[in-house]
Amino acid sequence: MRYELRKKIAEVCAKKILLKGDSVGVSFYAFFANKNDDPELLMEAATWWIETHQLDHFEKALKIKRMVEAGL
């Protein structure tokens, strides 16, 4: 996954954790606007989330943040 997407995911997760605590959940849609203005980037995130790591629709933001920061 490209660096810019990893950075965005980590930032969004950090913000959600700060606002709602360590138990807040996210889906990969949380990293995008409500319109599909970059389908290639959306598919990159979906592939990483669904195919590569077989994550559930909602996962703990803390888990996702740690994964992207670790380069997984």
Protein backbone atom coordinates (compact mmCIF):
# COMPACT_ATOMS: atom_id res chain seq x y z
CA MET A 1 0.00 0.00 0.00
CA ARG A 2 1.37 3.41 -0.91
CA TYR A 3 2.85 5.67 1.75
CA GLU A 4 0.24 8.43 1.37
CA LEU A 5 -2.60 6.00 2.07
CA ARG A 6 -0.81 4.50 5.08
CA LYS A 7 -0.24 7.99 6.45
CA LYS A 8 -3.88 8.95 5.95
CA ILE A 9 -5.12 5.76 7.62
CA ALA A 10 -2.83 6.29 10.62
CA GLU A 11 -3.97 9.92 10.95
CA VAL A 12 -7.67 9.11 10.71
CA CYS A 13 -7.31 6.29 13.24
CA ALA A 14 -5.35 8.51 15.63
CA LYS A 15 -8.05 11.19 15.43
CA LYS A 16 -10.86 8.71 16.06
CA ILE A 17 -8.98 7.15 18.99
CA LEU A 18 -8.37 10.59 20.48
CA LEU A 19 -12.05 11.52 20.15
CA LYS A 20 -13.69 8.23 21.10
CA GLY A 21 -11.11 6.11 22.90
CA ASP A 22 -9.14 2.92 22.24
CA SER A 23 -12.23 0.81 21.57
CA VAL A 24 -13.51 2.82 18.58
CA GLY A 25 -13.99 0.84 15.40
CA VAL A 26 -13.43 1.78 11.76
CA SER A 27 -14.04 0.35 8.33
CA PHE A 28 -11.87 1.12 5.32
CA TYR A 29 -14.55 3.55 4.14
CA ALA A 30 -13.60 5.84 7.06
CA PHE A 31 -10.53 6.96 5.12
CA PHE A 32 -12.47 8.38 2.17
CA ALA A 33 -15.02 11.09 1.44
CA ASN A 34 -18.62 10.06 0.88
CA LYS A 35 -18.05 10.21 -2.86
CA ASN A 36 -15.93 7.89 -4.93
CA ASP A 37 -13.50 10.47 -6.33
CA ASP A 38 -10.48 8.13 -6.37
CA PRO A 39 -11.62 4.57 -7.15
CA GLU A 40 -8.05 3.29 -7.57
CA LEU A 41 -7.08 4.39 -4.06
CA LEU A 42 -10.33 3.01 -2.63
CA MET A 43 -9.64 -0.36 -4.26
CA GLU A 44 -6.09 -0.32 -2.90
CA ALA A 45 -7.44 0.12 0.63
CA ALA A 46 -10.16 -2.49 0.07
CA THR A 47 -7.65 -5.01 -1.27
CA TRP A 48 -5.34 -4.46 1.71
CA TRP A 49 -8.26 -4.73 4.15
CA ILE A 50 -10.25 -7.60 2.61
CA GLU A 51 -7.94 -9.73 0.49
CA THR A 52 -4.55 -9.25 2.11
CA HIS A 53 -5.53 -9.27 5.78
CA GLN A 54 -9.07 -10.72 5.68
CA LEU A 55 -10.28 -8.17 8.24
CA ASP A 56 -13.89 -7.84 9.37
CA HIS A 57 -15.96 -4.93 8.08
CA PHE A 58 -15.30 -3.04 11.34
CA GLU A 59 -12.03 -3.35 13.22
CA LYS A 60 -10.54 -1.46 16.15
CA ALA A 61 -8.88 1.74 14.97
CA LEU A 62 -5.95 1.03 17.29
CA LYS A 63 -5.34 -2.33 15.57
CA ILE A 64 -5.46 -0.79 12.09
CA LYS A 65 -3.19 2.09 13.11
CA ARG A 66 -0.63 -0.34 14.51
CA MET A 67 -0.79 -2.49 11.38
CA VAL A 68 -0.17 0.37 8.94
CA GLU A 69 2.58 1.83 11.11
CA ALA A 70 4.26 -1.58 11.20
CA GLY A 71 4.13 -1.75 7.41
CA LEU A 72 1.81 -4.75 7.26
